[in-house]
């Protein structure tokens, strides 16, 4: 199935509300658990001087999990959608404000050098971010500019099915009882996503071959590594 682009940013209020209200706890927790496992694997312990960036953080679900798991580490969620960050700020509890903040940042502008972020990350994570980029190399270029040397990366995203029929089947299988707006967006995201082979090719072309791609199941791949 040929890739079909979807909007890079989620800015429609009803769309943002549906996304913020949805229960993505299973997928969100996998990102944090994956980071914990990888840190242990490479023998890295985070400390109060470290920075974790949650790329395209949306309503902050993973950002909050990161801040709770490592309360002594600074966590910054960045996104290009003001509507999404408003939703994230609205539900941010006072206890997390000491180590979690949000920044409105156009990641494409980071890639092109039009915008700069003053801090360099020790860890970067993302969940379902890559497929939103019309040019995936903008995503990879931004990550190179946002991280320190040997920055740890954990990224998770959808896998594009091999046909429209398979995408529809997956949508009905996993979101049969979800609100229509979420089903519509999930279907669009499946069609906008990449295959594992395509991501491997992107990493090679972007000079990021130290990052490894693993297929998790029929829905997701995960990327781990240090660059």
C-alpha atoms as a PDB file:
ATOM      1  CA  UNK A   1       0.000   0.000   0.000  1.00  0.00           C
ATOM      2  CA  UNK A   2       1.327   3.410  -0.988  1.00  0.00           C
ATOM      3  CA  UNK A   3       1.818   5.884   1.851  1.00  0.00           C
ATOM      4  CA  UNK A   4      -0.949   8.512   2.199  1.00  0.00           C
ATOM      5  CA  UNK A   5      -0.011  11.680   4.074  1.00  0.00           C
ATOM      6  CA  UNK A   6      -2.080  13.038   6.953  1.00  0.00           C
ATOM      7  CA  UNK A   7      -1.866  16.486   8.621  1.00  0.00           C
ATOM      8  CA  UNK A   8       1.402  16.995  10.463  1.00  0.00           C
ATOM      9  CA  UNK A   9      -0.262  18.659  13.472  1.00  0.00           C
ATOM     10  CA  UNK A  10      -3.410  17.821  15.410  1.00  0.00           C
ATOM     11  CA  UNK A  11      -5.039  21.190  16.020  1.00  0.00           C
ATOM     12  CA  UNK A  12      -8.808  20.733  15.669  1.00  0.00           C
ATOM     13  CA  UNK A  13     -10.267  21.137  19.210  1.00  0.00           C
ATOM     14  CA  UNK A  14     -12.649  18.159  18.938  1.00  0.00           C
ATOM     15  CA  UNK A  15      -9.816  15.989  17.625  1.00  0.00           C
ATOM     16  CA  UNK A  16      -7.472  17.084  20.426  1.00  0.00           C
ATOM     17  CA  UNK A  17     -10.136  16.477  23.094  1.00  0.00           C
ATOM     18  CA  UNK A  18     -10.873  12.987  21.791  1.00  0.00           C
ATOM     19  CA  UNK A  19      -7.175  12.163  21.775  1.00  0.00           C
ATOM     20  CA  UNK A  20      -6.605  13.634  25.261  1.00  0.00           C
ATOM     21  CA  UNK A  21      -9.583  11.731  26.695  1.00  0.00           C
ATOM     22  CA  UNK A  22      -8.666   8.376  25.124  1.00  0.00           C
ATOM     23  CA  UNK A  23      -6.984   5.603  27.067  1.00  0.00           C
ATOM     24  CA  UNK A  24      -3.607   4.924  25.459  1.00  0.00           C
ATOM     25  CA  UNK A  25      -2.100   3.717  28.735  1.00  0.00           C
ATOM     26  CA  UNK A  26      -0.982   0.355  27.346  1.00  0.00           C
ATOM     27  CA  UNK A  27       1.043   1.849  24.502  1.00  0.00           C
ATOM     28  CA  UNK A  28       2.247   4.791  26.611  1.00  0.00           C
ATOM     29  CA  UNK A  29       3.525   2.511  29.356  1.00  0.00           C
ATOM     30  CA  UNK A  30       5.456   0.448  26.806  1.00  0.00           C
ATOM     31  CA  UNK A  31       7.549   3.496  25.907  1.00  0.00           C
ATOM     32  CA  UNK A  32       8.533   4.113  29.526  1.00  0.00           C
ATOM     33  CA  UNK A  33       9.131   0.426  30.240  1.00  0.00           C
ATOM     34  CA  UNK A  34      11.240   0.216  27.096  1.00  0.00           C
ATOM     35  CA  UNK A  35      13.352   3.131  28.268  1.00  0.00           C
ATOM     36  CA  UNK A  36      13.822   1.587  31.718  1.00  0.00           C
ATOM     37  CA  UNK A  37      14.910  -1.698  30.140  1.00  0.00           C
ATOM     38  CA  UNK A  38      17.299  -0.036  27.692  1.00  0.00           C
ATOM     39  CA  UNK A  39      18.903   2.137  30.394  1.00  0.00           C
ATOM     40  CA  UNK A  40      19.578  -0.998  32.399  1.00  0.00           C
ATOM     41  CA  UNK A  41      20.932  -2.760  29.321  1.00  0.00           C
ATOM     42  CA  UNK A  42      23.486  -0.019  28.573  1.00  0.00           C
ATOM     43  CA  UNK A  43      24.306   0.602  32.242  1.00  0.00           C
ATOM     44  CA  UNK A  44      23.068   4.203  32.261  1.00  0.00           C
ATOM     45  CA  UNK A  45      21.628   5.801  35.407  1.00  0.00           C
ATOM     46  CA  UNK A  46      19.807   9.100  35.040  1.00  0.00           C
ATOM     47  CA  UNK A  47      20.551  11.933  37.451  1.00  0.00           C
ATOM     48  CA  UNK A  48      19.307  15.437  38.276  1.00  0.00           C
ATOM     49  CA  UNK A  49      21.494  16.995  35.562  1.00  0.00           C
ATOM     50  CA  UNK A  50      19.888  14.986  32.767  1.00  0.00           C
ATOM     51  CA  UNK A  51      17.179  16.103  30.343  1.00  0.00           C
ATOM     52  CA  UNK A  52      14.530  13.903  28.738  1.00  0.00           C
ATOM     53  CA  UNK A  53      12.726  15.270  25.682  1.00  0.00           C
ATOM     54  CA  UNK A  54       9.342  13.849  24.705  1.00  0.00           C
ATOM     55  CA  UNK A  55       9.106  14.630  20.992  1.00  0.00           C
ATOM     56  CA  UNK A  56       5.637  15.490  19.619  1.00  0.00           C
ATOM     57  CA  UNK A  57       4.287  14.946  23.121  1.00  0.00           C
ATOM     58  CA  UNK A  58       0.632  15.666  22.330  1.00  0.00           C
ATOM     59  CA  UNK A  59      -1.466  15.940  25.514  1.00  0.00           C
ATOM     60  CA  UNK A  60       1.499  14.889  27.635  1.00  0.00           C
ATOM     61  CA  UNK A  61       0.540  11.348  28.584  1.00  0.00           C
ATOM     62  CA  UNK A  62       4.064   9.972  28.195  1.00  0.00           C
ATOM     63  CA  UNK A  63       5.684  13.168  29.470  1.00  0.00           C
ATOM     64  CA  UNK A  64       3.793  12.715  32.742  1.00  0.00           C
ATOM     65  CA  UNK A  65       4.805   9.065  33.013  1.00  0.00           C
ATOM     66  CA  UNK A  66       8.444  10.016  32.476  1.00  0.00           C
ATOM     67  CA  UNK A  67       8.268  12.760  35.104  1.00  0.00           C
ATOM     68  CA  UNK A  68       6.704  10.369  37.631  1.00  0.00           C
ATOM     69  CA  UNK A  69       9.219   7.607  36.939  1.00  0.00           C
ATOM     70  CA  UNK A  70      12.241   9.938  37.185  1.00  0.00           C
ATOM     71  CA  UNK A  71      11.054  12.784  39.506  1.00  0.00           C
ATOM     72  CA  UNK A  72      14.601  14.125  39.848  1.00  0.00           C
ATOM     73  CA  UNK A  73      15.150  14.465  36.075  1.00  0.00           C
ATOM     74  CA  UNK A  74      14.021  17.437  33.993  1.00  0.00           C
ATOM     75  CA  UNK A  75      11.424  16.390  31.417  1.00  0.00           C
ATOM     76  CA  UNK A  76      10.299  18.648  28.558  1.00  0.00           C
ATOM     77  CA  UNK A  77       7.449  17.774  26.248  1.00  0.00           C
ATOM     78  CA  UNK A  78       7.621  19.536  22.885  1.00  0.00           C
ATOM     79  CA  UNK A  79       4.932  19.787  20.241  1.00  0.00           C
ATOM     80  CA  UNK A  80       3.997  22.078  17.363  1.00  0.00           C
ATOM     81  CA  UNK A  81       0.283  22.089  18.242  1.00  0.00           C
ATOM     82  CA  UNK A  82      -0.781  24.797  20.676  1.00  0.00           C
ATOM     83  CA  UNK A  83      -4.112  23.010  21.158  1.00  0.00           C
ATOM     84  CA  UNK A  84      -2.335  19.831  22.243  1.00  0.00           C
ATOM     85  CA  UNK A  85      -0.089  21.675  24.681  1.00  0.00           C
ATOM     86  CA  UNK A  86      -3.090  23.495  26.146  1.00  0.00           C
ATOM     87  CA  UNK A  87      -4.636  20.088  26.831  1.00  0.00           C
ATOM     88  CA  UNK A  88      -1.369  18.906  28.404  1.00  0.00           C
ATOM     89  CA  UNK A  89      -1.094  21.984  30.639  1.00  0.00           C
ATOM     90  CA  UNK A  90      -4.731  21.731  31.703  1.00  0.00           C
ATOM     91  CA  UNK A  91      -4.275  18.286  33.223  1.00  0.00           C
ATOM     92  CA  UNK A  92      -0.773  18.779  34.614  1.00  0.00           C
ATOM     93  CA  UNK A  93      -0.910  18.288  38.378  1.00  0.00           C
ATOM     94  CA  UNK A  94       1.036  20.580  40.687  1.00  0.00           C
ATOM     95  CA  UNK A  95       3.353  17.848  41.945  1.00  0.00           C
ATOM     96  CA  UNK A  96       4.775  17.288  38.452  1.00  0.00           C
ATOM     97  CA  UNK A  97       5.431  20.956  37.682  1.00  0.00           C
ATOM     98  CA  UNK A  98       8.744  20.783  39.521  1.00  0.00           C
ATOM     99  CA  UNK A  99      10.334  18.644  36.806  1.00  0.00           C
ATOM    100  CA  UNK A 100       7.935  18.718  33.808  1.00  0.00           C
ATOM    101  CA  UNK A 101       7.383  21.594  31.389  1.00  0.00           C
ATOM    102  CA  UNK A 102       6.020  21.954  27.867  1.00  0.00           C
ATOM    103  CA  UNK A 103       7.365  23.949  24.939  1.00  0.00           C
ATOM    104  CA  UNK A 104       5.619  24.968  21.724  1.00  0.00           C
ATOM    105  CA  UNK A 105       8.205  24.018  19.101  1.00  0.00           C
ATOM    106  CA  UNK A 106       7.870  23.381  15.374  1.00  0.00           C
ATOM    107  CA  UNK A 107      10.103  20.349  14.936  1.00  0.00           C
ATOM    108  CA  UNK A 108      10.388  21.016  11.207  1.00  0.00           C
ATOM    109  CA  UNK A 109      11.874  24.410  12.076  1.00  0.00           C
ATOM    110  CA  UNK A 110      14.420  22.743  14.347  1.00  0.00           C
ATOM    111  CA  UNK A 111      15.458  20.557  11.419  1.00  0.00           C
ATOM    112  CA  UNK A 112      15.880  23.509   9.051  1.00  0.00           C
ATOM    113  CA  UNK A 113      17.646  25.685  11.633  1.00  0.00           C
ATOM    114  CA  UNK A 114      14.892  28.326  11.680  1.00  0.00           C
ATOM    115  CA  UNK A 115      14.188  27.573  15.337  1.00  0.00           C
ATOM    116  CA  UNK A 116      16.532  26.559  18.143  1.00  0.00           C
ATOM    117  CA  UNK A 117      16.069  24.862  21.490  1.00  0.00           C
ATOM    118  CA  UNK A 118      18.656  26.017  24.045  1.00  0.00           C
ATOM    119  CA  UNK A 119      19.081  22.672  25.833  1.00  0.00           C
ATOM    120  CA  UNK A 120      20.506  19.361  24.617  1.00  0.00           C
ATOM    121  CA  UNK A 121      18.819  16.115  25.598  1.00  0.00           C
ATOM    122  CA  UNK A 122      20.378  13.093  27.262  1.00  0.00           C
ATOM    123  CA  UNK A 123      17.331  11.002  26.356  1.00  0.00           C
ATOM    124  CA  UNK A 124      14.725  11.418  23.619  1.00  0.00           C
ATOM    125  CA  UNK A 125      11.497   9.499  23.282  1.00  0.00           C
ATOM    126  CA  UNK A 126       8.533   9.647  20.934  1.00  0.00           C
ATOM    127  CA  UNK A 127       5.358   7.704  20.369  1.00  0.00           C
ATOM    128  CA  UNK A 128       3.524   7.788  17.031  1.00  0.00           C
ATOM    129  CA  UNK A 129       5.397  10.907  15.943  1.00  0.00           C
ATOM    130  CA  UNK A 130       7.387   9.867  12.857  1.00  0.00           C
ATOM    131  CA  UNK A 131       4.384   9.074  10.661  1.00  0.00           C
ATOM    132  CA  UNK A 132       3.030  12.628  11.004  1.00  0.00           C
ATOM    133  CA  UNK A 133       6.032  14.092   9.176  1.00  0.00           C
ATOM    134  CA  UNK A 134       5.503  14.525   5.459  1.00  0.00           C
ATOM    135  CA  UNK A 135       9.293  14.437   5.109  1.00  0.00           C
ATOM    136  CA  UNK A 136      10.587  11.900   7.654  1.00  0.00           C
ATOM    137  CA  UNK A 137      14.131  13.208   7.296  1.00  0.00           C
ATOM    138  CA  UNK A 138      13.003  16.416   9.013  1.00  0.00           C
ATOM    139  CA  UNK A 139      12.251  14.292  12.072  1.00  0.00           C
ATOM    140  CA  UNK A 140      15.652  12.613  12.049  1.00  0.00           C
ATOM    141  CA  UNK A 141      17.518  15.874  11.404  1.00  0.00           C
ATOM    142  CA  UNK A 142      15.727  17.540  14.319  1.00  0.00           C
ATOM    143  CA  UNK A 143      16.679  14.689  16.639  1.00  0.00           C
ATOM    144  CA  UNK A 144      20.333  15.076  15.709  1.00  0.00           C
ATOM    145  CA  UNK A 145      20.179  18.763  16.607  1.00  0.00           C
ATOM    146  CA  UNK A 146      18.267  18.278  19.867  1.00  0.00           C
ATOM    147  CA  UNK A 147      20.467  15.599  21.444  1.00  0.00           C
ATOM    148  CA  UNK A 148      23.854  15.483  23.106  1.00  0.00           C
ATOM    149  CA  UNK A 149      26.518  13.085  21.885  1.00  0.00           C
ATOM    150  CA  UNK A 150      25.520   9.550  22.885  1.00  0.00           C
ATOM    151  CA  UNK A 151      21.938  10.634  23.467  1.00  0.00           C
ATOM    152  CA  UNK A 152      19.688   7.654  24.194  1.00  0.00           C
ATOM    153  CA  UNK A 153      16.732   7.202  21.844  1.00  0.00           C
ATOM    154  CA  UNK A 154      13.491   5.270  22.263  1.00  0.00           C
ATOM    155  CA  UNK A 155      10.903   5.778  19.510  1.00  0.00           C
ATOM    156  CA  UNK A 156       7.705   3.843  18.865  1.00  0.00           C
ATOM    157  CA  UNK A 157       5.364   4.108  15.899  1.00  0.00           C
ATOM    158  CA  UNK A 158       2.765   2.347  13.804  1.00  0.00           C
ATOM    159  CA  UNK A 159       3.620   0.041  10.920  1.00  0.00           C
ATOM    160  CA  UNK A 160       1.895   0.680   7.598  1.00  0.00           C
ATOM    161  CA  UNK A 161      -0.136  -2.372   6.537  1.00  0.00           C
ATOM    162  CA  UNK A 162       0.387  -3.828   3.063  1.00  0.00           C
ATOM    163  CA  UNK A 163      -3.131  -2.986   1.840  1.00  0.00           C
ATOM    164  CA  UNK A 164      -6.140  -0.750   2.429  1.00  0.00           C
ATOM    165  CA  UNK A 165      -8.136  -3.844   3.339  1.00  0.00           C
ATOM    166  CA  UNK A 166      -5.589  -4.818   6.011  1.00  0.00           C
ATOM    167  CA  UNK A 167      -5.572  -1.272   7.426  1.00  0.00           C
ATOM    168  CA  UNK A 168      -9.371  -1.382   7.719  1.00  0.00           C
ATOM    169  CA  UNK A 169      -9.194  -4.818   9.354  1.00  0.00           C
ATOM    170  CA  UNK A 170      -6.650  -3.585  11.918  1.00  0.00           C
ATOM    171  CA  UNK A 171      -8.748  -0.504  12.662  1.00  0.00           C
ATOM    172  CA  UNK A 172     -11.843  -2.600  13.341  1.00  0.00           C
ATOM    173  CA  UNK A 173      -9.873  -5.122  15.385  1.00  0.00           C
ATOM    174  CA  UNK A 174      -8.196  -2.630  17.725  1.00  0.00           C
ATOM    175  CA  UNK A 175     -10.625   0.307  17.846  1.00  0.00           C
ATOM    176  CA  UNK A 176     -14.037  -1.283  17.277  1.00  0.00           C
ATOM    177  CA  UNK A 177     -15.627   0.511  20.246  1.00  0.00           C
ATOM    178  CA  UNK A 178     -13.691   3.799  20.007  1.00  0.00           C
ATOM    179  CA  UNK A 179     -15.297   7.129  19.077  1.00  0.00           C
ATOM    180  CA  UNK A 180     -15.569   7.659  15.323  1.00  0.00           C
ATOM    181  CA  UNK A 181     -13.071  10.529  15.339  1.00  0.00           C
ATOM    182  CA  UNK A 182     -10.406   8.278  16.875  1.00  0.00           C
ATOM    183  CA  UNK A 183     -11.175   5.468  14.431  1.00  0.00           C
ATOM    184  CA  UNK A 184     -10.863   7.911  11.542  1.00  0.00           C
ATOM    185  CA  UNK A 185      -7.536   9.287  12.804  1.00  0.00           C
ATOM    186  CA  UNK A 186      -6.141   5.819  13.556  1.00  0.00           C
ATOM    187  CA  UNK A 187      -7.004   4.644  10.033  1.00  0.00           C
ATOM    188  CA  UNK A 188      -5.359   7.759   8.569  1.00  0.00           C
ATOM    189  CA  UNK A 189      -2.284   7.171  10.724  1.00  0.00           C
ATOM    190  CA  UNK A 190      -1.963   3.565   9.569  1.00  0.00           C
ATOM    191  CA  UNK A 191      -1.963   4.751   5.955  1.00  0.00           C
ATOM    192  CA  UNK A 192       0.574   7.510   6.743  1.00  0.00           C
ATOM    193  CA  UNK A 193       2.979   5.240   8.598  1.00  0.00           C
ATOM    194  CA  UNK A 194       6.154   3.543   7.394  1.00  0.00           C
ATOM    195  CA  UNK A 195       7.260  -0.043   7.047  1.00  0.00           C
ATOM    196  CA  UNK A 196      10.195  -1.350   9.054  1.00  0.00           C
ATOM    197  CA  UNK A 197      12.278  -1.559   5.870  1.00  0.00           C
ATOM    198  CA  UNK A 198      11.524   2.081   5.058  1.00  0.00           C
ATOM    199  CA  UNK A 199      12.584   3.194   8.538  1.00  0.00           C
ATOM    200  CA  UNK A 200      15.818   1.225   8.272  1.00  0.00           C
ATOM    201  CA  UNK A 201      16.515   2.956   4.959  1.00  0.00           C
ATOM    202  CA  UNK A 202      15.773   6.367   6.499  1.00  0.00           C
ATOM    203  CA  UNK A 203      18.179   5.736   9.368  1.00  0.00           C
ATOM    204  CA  UNK A 204      20.914   4.609   6.995  1.00  0.00           C
ATOM    205  CA  UNK A 205      20.468   7.659   4.743  1.00  0.00           C
ATOM    206  CA  UNK A 206      20.313  10.017   7.736  1.00  0.00           C
ATOM    207  CA  UNK A 207      23.582   8.681   9.172  1.00  0.00           C
ATOM    208  CA  UNK A 208      21.775   7.112  12.120  1.00  0.00           C
ATOM    209  CA  UNK A 209      22.519   3.448  11.478  1.00  0.00           C
ATOM    210  CA  UNK A 210      23.466   3.012  15.145  1.00  0.00           C
ATOM    211  CA  UNK A 211      19.743   3.097  15.913  1.00  0.00           C
ATOM    212  CA  UNK A 212      18.062  -0.302  15.600  1.00  0.00           C
ATOM    213  CA  UNK A 213      14.484  -1.006  14.516  1.00  0.00           C
ATOM    214  CA  UNK A 214      12.497  -3.907  15.931  1.00  0.00           C
ATOM    215  CA  UNK A 215       8.995  -4.991  14.955  1.00  0.00           C
ATOM    216  CA  UNK A 216       6.943  -5.478  18.121  1.00  0.00           C
ATOM    217  CA  UNK A 217       3.699  -6.858  16.673  1.00  0.00           C
ATOM    218  CA  UNK A 218       1.373  -6.215  13.730  1.00  0.00           C
ATOM    219  CA  UNK A 219       0.844  -2.635  14.921  1.00  0.00           C
ATOM    220  CA  UNK A 220       4.150  -1.248  16.160  1.00  0.00           C
ATOM    221  CA  UNK A 221       7.894  -1.051  15.663  1.00  0.00           C
ATOM    222  CA  UNK A 222      10.340   0.324  18.219  1.00  0.00           C
ATOM    223  CA  UNK A 223      13.686   2.047  17.721  1.00  0.00           C
ATOM    224  CA  UNK A 224      16.466   1.874  20.315  1.00  0.00           C
ATOM    225  CA  UNK A 225      20.014   3.164  20.419  1.00  0.00           C
ATOM    226  CA  UNK A 226      22.513   5.908  21.207  1.00  0.00           C
ATOM    227  CA  UNK A 227      23.742   8.541  18.755  1.00  0.00           C
END
